[in-house]
Amino acid sequence: MVNEVTKLLGIKYPIIQGAMNWLTDANFVAAVSKAGALGILGPNAGQTTVTNDPQVLASRMQEQVQAVKEITTAPFGITLNLHQDRTGIAAVDELTNLVIDEQVPVVLLTLTNCNDDFQTARQLVKTFHHHQTKVLVRTQHPTVADAQLAEQMEADLYIITSFDEGGGNLPAITFGTFAGVVGIADQVEIPIACAGGISDARAVRAVCALGAQAVYVGTCLIPTWENPAAKKVKQLIVDSKIEDLTLYRTTPAYYRLLPTGLRDKLIENARIRNLEHALQINSTLMDNQNGLRRGMLQGDFDNGYVTVGTGISRINEIMTVKEVIRQLAKGFA
């Protein structure tokens, strides 16, 4: 399969692995890239503990970058969140220097929105392009305006993350995957990748027919042998269907979770309290996404949560990364 995205990124299939917080490491990302997709080191890649030090964060990421390069020469990327890493600290300068020093092929630049972040993001894009690094842009709440601004800042690709996604912080704009692709893809010239509920070849085929040139997938790669998620989390995903998911309100907008002890507390708070009070209490219980680390990395369902996308009904077994990528790639045939 050769298209604009495969040529842009130097990959075999136009499949981009989601930069999942806590749920990537060098072995997993290298496996994705070796399978012909683009692996991306996400926030807290390869880590089990939280740091509040930008230098430590960058040092940890550098170790993971170097480990990927020892395993494969295939292209891969890292995530750079413009305002804060999901640990709650900013490390833009440190990670920018890391990308340049280590000659990382791709950066996933994550923004709140392109309007507020335009000048800073445009300068980062210029800097990375000067060092031959490709830049993918993903915004928290995707819009046509964001996609057009990403194009104006000369990003190489824009990722549409729909309300069908997993990963916790759902977009405040509640359109699904199909509506998102149709509404945005025709408004820009740069290639579009689509995220949300894509877990088999049929979904890949469908979003490409609607205008996407690539897919951005996370949930379907969690129940793989190489992923660092807890084994009980992988089994929970395999055993669950879409009707097992529960949507509820918390900051900044919505979350979608599978059953755990903590989830039940969060749902009950949302049911019995007024919205403002429930948001405050649930945000505290979730502990700035430490709940994700406890639930998905450590398998602690009493104090953590499991968040996934809407495509879980089509995930029926734990597989290797290579098997999942090959299965998805059939949608491009």
C-alpha atoms as a PDB file:
ATOM      1  CA  MET A   1       0.000   0.000   0.000  1.00  0.00           C
ATOM      2  CA  VAL A   2       1.545   3.281  -1.133  1.00  0.00           C
ATOM      3  CA  ASN A   3      -0.146   6.632  -0.639  1.00  0.00           C
ATOM      4  CA  GLU A   4       0.716  10.173   0.394  1.00  0.00           C
ATOM      5  CA  VAL A   5       1.095   9.202   4.059  1.00  0.00           C
ATOM      6  CA  THR A   6       3.303   6.164   3.513  1.00  0.00           C
ATOM      7  CA  LYS A   7       5.613   8.232   1.312  1.00  0.00           C
ATOM      8  CA  LEU A   8       5.595  11.114   3.797  1.00  0.00           C
ATOM      9  CA  LEU A   9       6.495   8.975   6.811  1.00  0.00           C
ATOM     10  CA  GLY A  10       8.488   6.221   5.125  1.00  0.00           C
ATOM     11  CA  ILE A  11       6.183   3.440   6.348  1.00  0.00           C
ATOM     12  CA  LYS A  12       4.595   0.426   4.664  1.00  0.00           C
ATOM     13  CA  TYR A  13       1.013   0.995   5.817  1.00  0.00           C
ATOM     14  CA  PRO A  14      -0.760   4.314   6.557  1.00  0.00           C
ATOM     15  CA  ILE A  15      -1.351   3.264  10.160  1.00  0.00           C
ATOM     16  CA  ILE A  16      -0.272   5.486  13.057  1.00  0.00           C
ATOM     17  CA  GLN A  17      -0.180   4.025  16.553  1.00  0.00           C
ATOM     18  CA  GLY A  18      -1.926   6.119  19.184  1.00  0.00           C
ATOM     19  CA  ALA A  19       0.370   7.873  21.665  1.00  0.00           C
ATOM     20  CA  MET A  20      -1.280   6.336  24.725  1.00  0.00           C
ATOM     21  CA  ASN A  21      -0.372   7.738  28.121  1.00  0.00           C
ATOM     22  CA  TRP A  22       1.590   5.144  30.179  1.00  0.00           C
ATOM     23  CA  LEU A  23       0.849   2.423  27.606  1.00  0.00           C
ATOM     24  CA  THR A  24       3.836   2.649  25.275  1.00  0.00           C
ATOM     25  CA  ASP A  25       7.475   1.704  25.638  1.00  0.00           C
ATOM     26  CA  ALA A  26      10.439   1.076  23.373  1.00  0.00           C
ATOM     27  CA  ASN A  27       9.660  -2.594  22.739  1.00  0.00           C
ATOM     28  CA  PHE A  28       6.022  -1.904  21.867  1.00  0.00           C
ATOM     29  CA  VAL A  29       6.763   1.086  19.631  1.00  0.00           C
ATOM     30  CA  ALA A  30       9.563  -0.764  17.854  1.00  0.00           C
ATOM     31  CA  ALA A  31       7.215  -3.699  17.238  1.00  0.00           C
ATOM     32  CA  VAL A  32       4.667  -1.345  15.652  1.00  0.00           C
ATOM     33  CA  SER A  33       7.266   0.260  13.411  1.00  0.00           C
ATOM     34  CA  LYS A  34       8.817  -3.082  12.447  1.00  0.00           C
ATOM     35  CA  ALA A  35       5.333  -4.261  11.436  1.00  0.00           C
ATOM     36  CA  GLY A  36       5.137  -1.450   8.874  1.00  0.00           C
ATOM     37  CA  ALA A  37       3.128   1.161  10.795  1.00  0.00           C
ATOM     38  CA  LEU A  38       4.348   4.253  12.657  1.00  0.00           C
ATOM     39  CA  GLY A  39       5.066   3.631  16.333  1.00  0.00           C
ATOM     40  CA  ILE A  40       4.925   6.622  18.678  1.00  0.00           C
ATOM     41  CA  LEU A  41       6.320   6.943  22.188  1.00  0.00           C
ATOM     42  CA  GLY A  42       3.520   8.505  24.208  1.00  0.00           C
ATOM     43  CA  PRO A  43       3.561  10.434  27.495  1.00  0.00           C
ATOM     44  CA  ASN A  44       5.302   8.492  30.275  1.00  0.00           C
ATOM     45  CA  ALA A  45       6.614   5.941  27.779  1.00  0.00           C
ATOM     46  CA  GLY A  46       8.295   3.036  29.537  1.00  0.00           C
ATOM     47  CA  GLN A  47       7.633   4.499  32.987  1.00  0.00           C
ATOM     48  CA  THR A  48       5.900   3.293  36.142  1.00  0.00           C
ATOM     49  CA  THR A  49       6.317   6.375  38.352  1.00  0.00           C
ATOM     50  CA  VAL A  50       5.414  10.050  38.038  1.00  0.00           C
ATOM     51  CA  THR A  51       7.994  12.819  37.730  1.00  0.00           C
ATOM     52  CA  ASN A  52       7.451  16.560  38.109  1.00  0.00           C
ATOM     53  CA  ASP A  53      10.878  17.444  36.735  1.00  0.00           C
ATOM     54  CA  PRO A  54      11.063  18.381  33.017  1.00  0.00           C
ATOM     55  CA  GLN A  55      14.712  17.322  32.842  1.00  0.00           C
ATOM     56  CA  VAL A  56      13.926  13.909  34.289  1.00  0.00           C
ATOM     57  CA  LEU A  57      10.979  13.544  31.933  1.00  0.00           C
ATOM     58  CA  ALA A  58      13.180  14.315  28.925  1.00  0.00           C
ATOM     59  CA  SER A  59      15.931  12.002  30.169  1.00  0.00           C
ATOM     60  CA  ARG A  60      13.454   9.161  30.530  1.00  0.00           C
ATOM     61  CA  MET A  61      12.124   9.777  27.036  1.00  0.00           C
ATOM     62  CA  GLN A  62      15.661   9.850  25.649  1.00  0.00           C
ATOM     63  CA  GLU A  63      16.301   6.405  27.102  1.00  0.00           C
ATOM     64  CA  GLN A  64      13.204   5.113  25.327  1.00  0.00           C
ATOM     65  CA  VAL A  65      14.163   6.788  22.044  1.00  0.00           C
ATOM     66  CA  GLN A  66      17.613   5.241  22.146  1.00  0.00           C
ATOM     67  CA  ALA A  67      16.139   1.845  22.993  1.00  0.00           C
ATOM     68  CA  VAL A  68      13.824   1.999  19.964  1.00  0.00           C
ATOM     69  CA  LYS A  69      16.782   2.866  17.727  1.00  0.00           C
ATOM     70  CA  GLU A  70      18.683  -0.145  19.055  1.00  0.00           C
ATOM     71  CA  ILE A  71      15.810  -2.442  18.066  1.00  0.00           C
ATOM     72  CA  THR A  72      14.870  -1.081  14.641  1.00  0.00           C
ATOM     73  CA  THR A  73      15.855   1.413  11.969  1.00  0.00           C
ATOM     74  CA  ALA A  74      12.200   1.875  10.979  1.00  0.00           C
ATOM     75  CA  PRO A  75      10.662   5.350  11.418  1.00  0.00           C
ATOM     76  CA  PHE A  76       9.006   6.182  14.746  1.00  0.00           C
ATOM     77  CA  GLY A  77       7.963   9.267  16.663  1.00  0.00           C
ATOM     78  CA  ILE A  78       7.498  10.858  20.055  1.00  0.00           C
ATOM     79  CA  THR A  79       4.703  12.969  21.510  1.00  0.00           C
ATOM     80  CA  LEU A  80       5.142  16.610  22.415  1.00  0.00           C
ATOM     81  CA  ASN A  81       2.227  18.160  24.319  1.00  0.00           C
ATOM     82  CA  LEU A  82       2.547  21.886  23.868  1.00  0.00           C
ATOM     83  CA  HIS A  83       1.246  23.022  27.254  1.00  0.00           C
ATOM     84  CA  GLN A  84       1.662  20.116  29.624  1.00  0.00           C
ATOM     85  CA  ASP A  85       2.752  16.562  29.551  1.00  0.00           C
ATOM     86  CA  ARG A  86       0.040  14.381  31.034  1.00  0.00           C
ATOM     87  CA  THR A  87       2.013  14.246  34.237  1.00  0.00           C
ATOM     88  CA  GLY A  88       1.001  17.885  34.601  1.00  0.00           C
ATOM     89  CA  ILE A  89       4.320  19.519  33.675  1.00  0.00           C
ATOM     90  CA  ALA A  90       5.540  21.304  30.585  1.00  0.00           C
ATOM     91  CA  ALA A  91       8.708  20.032  28.924  1.00  0.00           C
ATOM     92  CA  VAL A  92       8.522  21.596  25.473  1.00  0.00           C
ATOM     93  CA  ASP A  93      12.092  22.908  25.313  1.00  0.00           C
ATOM     94  CA  GLU A  94      13.575  19.732  26.750  1.00  0.00           C
ATOM     95  CA  LEU A  95      11.700  17.448  24.353  1.00  0.00           C
ATOM     96  CA  THR A  96      12.387  19.717  21.375  1.00  0.00           C
ATOM     97  CA  ASN A  97      16.108  19.475  22.064  1.00  0.00           C
ATOM     98  CA  LEU A  98      15.763  15.715  22.435  1.00  0.00           C
ATOM     99  CA  VAL A  99      14.092  15.395  19.030  1.00  0.00           C
ATOM    100  CA  ILE A 100      16.881  17.395  17.413  1.00  0.00           C
ATOM    101  CA  ASP A 101      19.744  15.678  19.238  1.00  0.00           C
ATOM    102  CA  GLU A 102      18.429  12.168  18.626  1.00  0.00           C
ATOM    103  CA  GLN A 103      17.183  12.898  15.090  1.00  0.00           C
ATOM    104  CA  VAL A 104      13.728  11.529  15.846  1.00  0.00           C
ATOM    105  CA  PRO A 105      11.948  11.082  12.490  1.00  0.00           C
ATOM    106  CA  VAL A 106       8.442  12.182  13.558  1.00  0.00           C
ATOM    107  CA  VAL A 107       6.850  14.388  16.225  1.00  0.00           C
ATOM    108  CA  LEU A 108       3.212  14.198  17.229  1.00  0.00           C
ATOM    109  CA  LEU A 109       2.399  17.746  18.322  1.00  0.00           C
ATOM    110  CA  THR A 110      -0.630  17.744  20.612  1.00  0.00           C
ATOM    111  CA  LEU A 111      -2.443  21.049  21.120  1.00  0.00           C
ATOM    112  CA  THR A 112      -5.512  22.259  22.961  1.00  0.00           C
ATOM    113  CA  ASN A 113      -6.510  24.108  19.800  1.00  0.00           C
ATOM    114  CA  CYS A 114      -4.583  25.569  16.893  1.00  0.00           C
ATOM    115  CA  ASN A 115      -5.866  29.123  17.331  1.00  0.00           C
ATOM    116  CA  ASP A 116      -4.488  29.696  20.831  1.00  0.00           C
ATOM    117  CA  ASP A 117      -1.287  27.793  20.105  1.00  0.00           C
ATOM    118  CA  PHE A 118      -0.711  28.929  16.521  1.00  0.00           C
ATOM    119  CA  GLN A 119       2.423  31.061  16.813  1.00  0.00           C
ATOM    120  CA  THR A 120       4.275  28.694  19.134  1.00  0.00           C
ATOM    121  CA  ALA A 121       3.254  25.640  17.139  1.00  0.00           C
ATOM    122  CA  ARG A 122       4.212  27.220  13.815  1.00  0.00           C
ATOM    123  CA  GLN A 123       7.687  27.994  15.125  1.00  0.00           C
ATOM    124  CA  LEU A 124       8.064  24.429  16.391  1.00  0.00           C
ATOM    125  CA  VAL A 125       7.010  23.065  13.007  1.00  0.00           C
ATOM    126  CA  LYS A 126       9.640  25.233  11.294  1.00  0.00           C
ATOM    127  CA  THR A 127      12.278  24.095  13.757  1.00  0.00           C
ATOM    128  CA  PHE A 128      11.476  20.428  13.301  1.00  0.00           C
ATOM    129  CA  HIS A 129      11.302  20.710   9.523  1.00  0.00           C
ATOM    130  CA  HIS A 130      14.726  22.367   9.533  1.00  0.00           C
ATOM    131  CA  HIS A 131      16.008  19.185  11.158  1.00  0.00           C
ATOM    132  CA  GLN A 132      14.124  16.890   8.732  1.00  0.00           C
ATOM    133  CA  THR A 133      11.541  15.808  11.305  1.00  0.00           C
ATOM    134  CA  LYS A 134       7.943  15.373  10.146  1.00  0.00           C
ATOM    135  CA  VAL A 135       5.185  16.925  12.263  1.00  0.00           C
ATOM    136  CA  LEU A 136       1.742  15.471  12.885  1.00  0.00           C
ATOM    137  CA  VAL A 137      -0.785  17.734  14.624  1.00  0.00           C
ATOM    138  CA  ARG A 138      -3.596  16.545  16.862  1.00  0.00           C
ATOM    139  CA  THR A 139      -5.950  18.851  18.771  1.00  0.00           C
ATOM    140  CA  GLN A 140      -8.051  18.049  21.824  1.00  0.00           C
ATOM    141  CA  HIS A 141     -11.298  19.198  20.198  1.00  0.00           C
ATOM    142  CA  PRO A 142     -10.868  18.859  16.400  1.00  0.00           C
ATOM    143  CA  THR A 143     -12.600  21.337  14.106  1.00  0.00           C
ATOM    144  CA  VAL A 144     -12.396  22.495  10.501  1.00  0.00           C
ATOM    145  CA  ALA A 145     -10.715  25.677  11.738  1.00  0.00           C
ATOM    146  CA  ASP A 146      -8.081  23.653  13.603  1.00  0.00           C
ATOM    147  CA  ALA A 147      -7.337  21.551  10.531  1.00  0.00           C
ATOM    148  CA  GLN A 148      -6.987  24.672   8.392  1.00  0.00           C
ATOM    149  CA  LEU A 149      -4.690  26.316  10.931  1.00  0.00           C
ATOM    150  CA  ALA A 150      -2.599  23.145  11.110  1.00  0.00           C
ATOM    151  CA  GLU A 151      -2.243  23.405   7.345  1.00  0.00           C
ATOM    152  CA  GLN A 152      -1.262  27.082   7.630  1.00  0.00           C
ATOM    153  CA  MET A 153       1.444  26.240  10.172  1.00  0.00           C
ATOM    154  CA  GLU A 154       2.727  23.734   7.550  1.00  0.00           C
ATOM    155  CA  ALA A 155       2.074  20.603   9.569  1.00  0.00           C
ATOM    156  CA  ASP A 156       2.551  17.461   7.504  1.00  0.00           C
ATOM    157  CA  LEU A 157      -0.654  15.734   8.631  1.00  0.00           C
ATOM    158  CA  TYR A 158      -3.702  16.469  10.790  1.00  0.00           C
ATOM    159  CA  ILE A 159      -5.335  13.866  13.023  1.00  0.00           C
ATOM    160  CA  ILE A 160      -9.098  13.970  13.512  1.00  0.00           C
ATOM    161  CA  THR A 161      -9.898  12.483  16.908  1.00  0.00           C
ATOM    162  CA  SER A 162     -13.615  11.766  17.115  1.00  0.00           C
ATOM    163  CA  PHE A 163     -15.871  11.136  20.105  1.00  0.00           C
ATOM    164  CA  ASP A 164     -15.468   7.400  19.429  1.00  0.00           C
ATOM    165  CA  GLU A 165     -11.882   7.483  20.705  1.00  0.00           C
ATOM    166  CA  GLY A 166     -10.538   5.965  23.897  1.00  0.00           C
ATOM    167  CA  GLY A 167      -7.739   7.376  25.999  1.00  0.00           C
ATOM    168  CA  GLY A 168      -9.731   9.335  28.519  1.00  0.00           C
ATOM    169  CA  ASN A 169     -10.184  13.001  27.628  1.00  0.00           C
ATOM    170  CA  LEU A 170     -12.896  12.812  24.987  1.00  0.00           C
ATOM    171  CA  PRO A 171     -13.489  15.812  22.713  1.00  0.00           C
ATOM    172  CA  ALA A 172     -16.091  18.295  23.919  1.00  0.00           C
ATOM    173  CA  ILE A 173     -17.417  18.305  20.344  1.00  0.00           C
ATOM    174  CA  THR A 174     -19.393  15.077  20.250  1.00  0.00           C
ATOM    175  CA  PHE A 175     -19.263  14.032  16.588  1.00  0.00           C
ATOM    176  CA  GLY A 176     -18.458  10.465  15.611  1.00  0.00           C
ATOM    177  CA  THR A 177     -15.704   9.187  13.359  1.00  0.00           C
ATOM    178  CA  PHE A 178     -17.656   9.212  10.104  1.00  0.00           C
ATOM    179  CA  ALA A 179     -19.050  12.723  10.602  1.00  0.00           C
ATOM    180  CA  GLY A 180     -15.615  14.013  11.570  1.00  0.00           C
ATOM    181  CA  VAL A 181     -13.906  12.736   8.441  1.00  0.00           C
ATOM    182  CA  VAL A 182     -16.634  13.969   6.116  1.00  0.00           C
ATOM    183  CA  GLY A 183     -16.783  17.364   7.805  1.00  0.00           C
ATOM    184  CA  ILE A 184     -13.053  18.078   7.873  1.00  0.00           C
ATOM    185  CA  ALA A 185     -11.167  16.097   5.219  1.00  0.00           C
ATOM    186  CA  ASP A 186     -12.469  18.052   2.220  1.00  0.00           C
ATOM    187  CA  GLN A 187     -11.568  21.395   3.794  1.00  0.00           C
ATOM    188  CA  VAL A 188      -7.777  20.971   3.717  1.00  0.00           C
ATOM    189  CA  GLU A 189      -5.098  19.805   1.312  1.00  0.00           C
ATOM    190  CA  ILE A 190      -2.790  18.123   3.842  1.00  0.00           C
ATOM    191  CA  PRO A 191      -3.449  14.429   4.508  1.00  0.00           C
ATOM    192  CA  ILE A 192      -5.863  13.464   7.261  1.00  0.00           C
ATOM    193  CA  ALA A 193      -5.611  10.583   9.710  1.00  0.00           C
ATOM    194  CA  CYS A 194      -8.733   9.494  11.518  1.00  0.00           C
ATOM    195  CA  ALA A 195      -9.055   8.199  15.098  1.00  0.00           C
ATOM    196  CA  GLY A 196     -11.918   6.676  17.035  1.00  0.00           C
ATOM    197  CA  GLY A 197     -13.477   3.206  17.014  1.00  0.00           C
ATOM    198  CA  ILE A 198     -11.173   1.795  14.320  1.00  0.00           C
ATOM    199  CA  SER A 199     -10.231  -1.770  15.202  1.00  0.00           C
ATOM    200  CA  ASP A 200     -10.570  -3.881  12.057  1.00  0.00           C
ATOM    201  CA  ALA A 201     -10.175  -3.758   8.282  1.00  0.00           C
ATOM    202  CA  ARG A 202     -13.829  -2.856   7.714  1.00  0.00           C
ATOM    203  CA  ALA A 203     -13.503   0.331   9.747  1.00  0.00           C
ATOM    204  CA  VAL A 204     -10.252   1.205   7.963  1.00  0.00           C
ATOM    205  CA  ARG A 205     -11.917   0.721   4.593  1.00  0.00           C
ATOM    206  CA  ALA A 206     -14.885   2.861   5.623  1.00  0.00           C
ATOM    207  CA  VAL A 207     -12.952   5.900   6.865  1.00  0.00           C
ATOM    208  CA  CYS A 208     -10.689   5.833   3.822  1.00  0.00           C
ATOM    209  CA  ALA A 209     -13.748   5.832   1.575  1.00  0.00           C
ATOM    210  CA  LEU A 210     -14.906   8.950   3.411  1.00  0.00           C
ATOM    211  CA  GLY A 211     -11.663  10.847   2.864  1.00  0.00           C
ATOM    212  CA  ALA A 212      -9.036   9.770   5.404  1.00  0.00           C
ATOM    213  CA  GLN A 213      -5.583   8.877   4.084  1.00  0.00           C
ATOM    214  CA  ALA A 214      -4.489   7.131   7.287  1.00  0.00           C
ATOM    215  CA  VAL A 215      -5.800   5.743  10.561  1.00  0.00           C
ATOM    216  CA  TYR A 216      -4.661   6.524  14.103  1.00  0.00           C
ATOM    217  CA  VAL A 217      -5.345   3.557  16.381  1.00  0.00           C
ATOM    218  CA  GLY A 218      -4.827   2.864  20.059  1.00  0.00           C
ATOM    219  CA  THR A 219      -7.384   0.599  21.724  1.00  0.00           C
ATOM    220  CA  CYS A 220      -6.911  -2.317  19.323  1.00  0.00           C
ATOM    221  CA  LEU A 221      -3.166  -2.321  20.084  1.00  0.00           C
ATOM    222  CA  ILE A 222      -3.568  -2.526  23.868  1.00  0.00           C
ATOM    223  CA  PRO A 223      -4.490  -6.241  23.956  1.00  0.00           C
ATOM    224  CA  THR A 224      -1.238  -7.236  22.258  1.00  0.00           C
ATOM    225  CA  TRP A 225       1.537  -9.250  23.829  1.00  0.00           C
ATOM    226  CA  GLU A 226       4.030  -6.412  23.406  1.00  0.00           C
ATOM    227  CA  ASN A 227       1.926  -3.672  25.008  1.00  0.00           C
ATOM    228  CA  PRO A 228       2.886  -2.769  28.615  1.00  0.00           C
ATOM    229  CA  ALA A 229      -0.732  -2.716  29.847  1.00  0.00           C
ATOM    230  CA  ALA A 230      -1.582  -5.123  32.666  1.00  0.00           C
ATOM    231  CA  LYS A 231      -2.634  -8.598  31.500  1.00  0.00           C
ATOM    232  CA  LYS A 232      -6.002  -8.279  33.276  1.00  0.00           C
ATOM    233  CA  VAL A 233      -6.672  -5.083  31.304  1.00  0.00           C
ATOM    234  CA  LYS A 234      -5.982  -6.847  28.022  1.00  0.00           C
ATOM    235  CA  GLN A 235      -8.322  -9.653  29.021  1.00  0.00           C
ATOM    236  CA  LEU A 236     -11.008  -7.181  30.114  1.00  0.00           C
ATOM    237  CA  ILE A 237     -10.901  -5.523  26.688  1.00  0.00           C
ATOM    238  CA  VAL A 238     -11.110  -8.868  24.901  1.00  0.00           C
ATOM    239  CA  ASP A 239     -14.041  -9.954  27.074  1.00  0.00           C
ATOM    240  CA  SER A 240     -15.969  -6.666  26.753  1.00  0.00           C
ATOM    241  CA  LYS A 241     -18.417  -5.307  24.196  1.00  0.00           C
ATOM    242  CA  ILE A 242     -19.521  -1.791  23.369  1.00  0.00           C
ATOM    243  CA  GLU A 243     -22.522  -2.023  25.710  1.00  0.00           C
ATOM    244  CA  ASP A 244     -20.127  -2.500  28.643  1.00  0.00           C
ATOM    245  CA  LEU A 245     -18.827   1.047  28.193  1.00  0.00           C
ATOM    246  CA  THR A 246     -20.157   3.862  30.365  1.00  0.00           C
ATOM    247  CA  LEU A 247     -19.924   7.545  29.500  1.00  0.00           C
ATOM    248  CA  TYR A 248     -19.860  10.140  32.258  1.00  0.00           C
ATOM    249  CA  ARG A 249     -18.942  13.767  32.884  1.00  0.00           C
ATOM    250  CA  THR A 250     -15.683  14.914  34.427  1.00  0.00           C
ATOM    251  CA  THR A 251     -13.102  17.568  33.636  1.00  0.00           C
ATOM    252  CA  PRO A 252     -12.465  18.685  30.955  1.00  0.00           C
ATOM    253  CA  ALA A 253     -15.511  17.122  29.269  1.00  0.00           C
ATOM    254  CA  TYR A 254     -16.298  13.394  29.129  1.00  0.00           C
ATOM    255  CA  TYR A 255     -14.758  10.018  29.885  1.00  0.00           C
ATOM    256  CA  ARG A 256     -15.715   6.550  28.676  1.00  0.00           C
ATOM    257  CA  LEU A 257     -14.794   3.598  30.893  1.00  0.00           C
ATOM    258  CA  LEU A 258     -15.052  -0.159  31.250  1.00  0.00           C
ATOM    259  CA  PRO A 259     -16.239  -1.599  34.593  1.00  0.00           C
ATOM    260  CA  THR A 260     -13.870  -1.202  37.564  1.00  0.00           C
ATOM    261  CA  GLY A 261     -14.421  -0.382  41.212  1.00  0.00           C
ATOM    262  CA  LEU A 262     -13.317   3.212  40.690  1.00  0.00           C
ATOM    263  CA  ARG A 263     -15.580   3.611  37.679  1.00  0.00           C
ATOM    264  CA  ASP A 264     -18.589   2.686  39.793  1.00  0.00           C
ATOM    265  CA  LYS A 265     -17.701   5.420  42.306  1.00  0.00           C
ATOM    266  CA  LEU A 266     -17.309   7.975  39.524  1.00  0.00           C
ATOM    267  CA  ILE A 267     -20.645   7.059  37.959  1.00  0.00           C
ATOM    268  CA  GLU A 268     -22.431   7.206  41.302  1.00  0.00           C
ATOM    269  CA  ASN A 269     -21.017  10.662  42.023  1.00  0.00           C
ATOM    270  CA  ALA A 270     -22.238  11.893  38.656  1.00  0.00           C
ATOM    271  CA  ARG A 271     -25.690  10.460  39.386  1.00  0.00           C
ATOM    272  CA  ILE A 272     -26.345  11.803  42.884  1.00  0.00           C
ATOM    273  CA  ARG A 273     -24.564  15.180  42.832  1.00  0.00           C
ATOM    274  CA  ASN A 274     -24.998  18.369  40.874  1.00  0.00           C
ATOM    275  CA  LEU A 275     -22.705  18.644  37.865  1.00  0.00           C
ATOM    276  CA  GLU A 276     -20.206  21.120  39.315  1.00  0.00           C
ATOM    277  CA  HIS A 277     -19.762  19.159  42.536  1.00  0.00           C
ATOM    278  CA  ALA A 278     -19.509  15.843  40.685  1.00  0.00           C
ATOM    279  CA  LEU A 279     -16.833  17.224  38.355  1.00  0.00           C
ATOM    280  CA  GLN A 280     -14.732  18.389  41.298  1.00  0.00           C
ATOM    281  CA  ILE A 281     -15.003  15.125  43.229  1.00  0.00           C
ATOM    282  CA  ASN A 282     -14.442  12.903  40.198  1.00  0.00           C
ATOM    283  CA  SER A 283     -11.422  14.904  39.087  1.00  0.00           C
ATOM    284  CA  THR A 284      -9.903  14.371  42.542  1.00  0.00           C
ATOM    285  CA  LEU A 285     -10.642  10.640  42.469  1.00  0.00           C
ATOM    286  CA  MET A 286      -9.062  10.329  39.026  1.00  0.00           C
ATOM    287  CA  ASP A 287      -5.952  12.075  40.399  1.00  0.00           C
ATOM    288  CA  ASN A 288      -4.731  13.882  37.273  1.00  0.00           C
ATOM    289  CA  GLN A 289      -4.752  10.671  35.229  1.00  0.00           C
ATOM    290  CA  ASN A 290      -2.831   8.721  37.847  1.00  0.00           C
ATOM    291  CA  GLY A 291      -6.010   6.683  37.901  1.00  0.00           C
ATOM    292  CA  LEU A 292      -5.175   5.606  34.359  1.00  0.00           C
ATOM    293  CA  ARG A 293      -1.695   4.495  35.429  1.00  0.00           C
ATOM    294  CA  ARG A 294      -3.096   2.505  38.334  1.00  0.00           C
ATOM    295  CA  GLY A 295      -5.886   0.956  36.326  1.00  0.00           C
ATOM    296  CA  MET A 296      -4.346   0.239  32.937  1.00  0.00           C
ATOM    297  CA  LEU A 297      -0.639  -0.150  33.699  1.00  0.00           C
ATOM    298  CA  GLN A 298      -0.831  -1.702  37.168  1.00  0.00           C
ATOM    299  CA  GLY A 299      -4.202  -3.451  36.875  1.00  0.00           C
ATOM    300  CA  ASP A 300      -5.514  -1.875  40.102  1.00  0.00           C
ATOM    301  CA  PHE A 301      -9.246  -1.763  39.444  1.00  0.00           C
ATOM    302  CA  ASP A 302     -10.128  -0.490  42.928  1.00  0.00           C
ATOM    303  CA  ASN A 303      -8.150   2.724  42.528  1.00  0.00           C
ATOM    304  CA  GLY A 304      -7.801   2.989  38.763  1.00  0.00           C
ATOM    305  CA  TYR A 305      -9.857   3.048  35.596  1.00  0.00           C
ATOM    306  CA  VAL A 306      -9.787   1.529  32.101  1.00  0.00           C
ATOM    307  CA  THR A 307     -10.634   3.806  29.186  1.00  0.00           C
ATOM    308  CA  VAL A 308     -11.033   2.529  25.618  1.00  0.00           C
ATOM    309  CA  GLY A 309     -12.673   3.439  22.322  1.00  0.00           C
ATOM    310  CA  THR A 310     -15.967   2.273  20.901  1.00  0.00           C
ATOM    311  CA  GLY A 311     -14.426  -0.341  18.599  1.00  0.00           C
ATOM    312  CA  ILE A 312     -13.914  -2.953  21.335  1.00  0.00           C
ATOM    313  CA  SER A 313     -16.679  -5.295  20.148  1.00  0.00           C
ATOM    314  CA  ARG A 314     -14.416  -6.340  17.276  1.00  0.00           C
ATOM    315  CA  ILE A 315     -11.447  -7.161  19.542  1.00  0.00           C
ATOM    316  CA  ASN A 316     -11.741 -10.827  20.449  1.00  0.00           C
ATOM    317  CA  GLU A 317      -8.283 -12.101  21.373  1.00  0.00           C
ATOM    318  CA  ILE A 318      -4.846 -11.047  22.544  1.00  0.00           C
ATOM    319  CA  MET A 319      -2.585 -10.942  19.489  1.00  0.00           C
ATOM    320  CA  THR A 320       0.881  -9.822  18.495  1.00  0.00           C
ATOM    321  CA  VAL A 321       1.358  -6.284  17.240  1.00  0.00           C
ATOM    322  CA  LYS A 322       2.288  -7.648  13.831  1.00  0.00           C
ATOM    323  CA  GLU A 323      -0.964  -9.606  13.610  1.00  0.00           C
ATOM    324  CA  VAL A 324      -3.055  -6.544  14.470  1.00  0.00           C
ATOM    325  CA  ILE A 325      -1.247  -4.324  11.959  1.00  0.00           C
ATOM    326  CA  ARG A 326      -1.628  -6.923   9.207  1.00  0.00           C
ATOM    327  CA  GLN A 327      -5.317  -7.268   9.992  1.00  0.00           C
ATOM    328  CA  LEU A 328      -5.860  -3.504   9.811  1.00  0.00           C
ATOM    329  CA  ALA A 329      -3.787  -3.244   6.633  1.00  0.00           C
ATOM    330  CA  LYS A 330      -6.276  -5.434   4.781  1.00  0.00           C
ATOM    331  CA  GLY A 331      -8.583  -2.419   4.810  1.00  0.00           C
ATOM    332  CA  PHE A 332      -6.256  -0.616   2.415  1.00  0.00           C
ATOM    333  CA  ALA A 333      -6.237  -3.414  -0.142  1.00  0.00           C
END
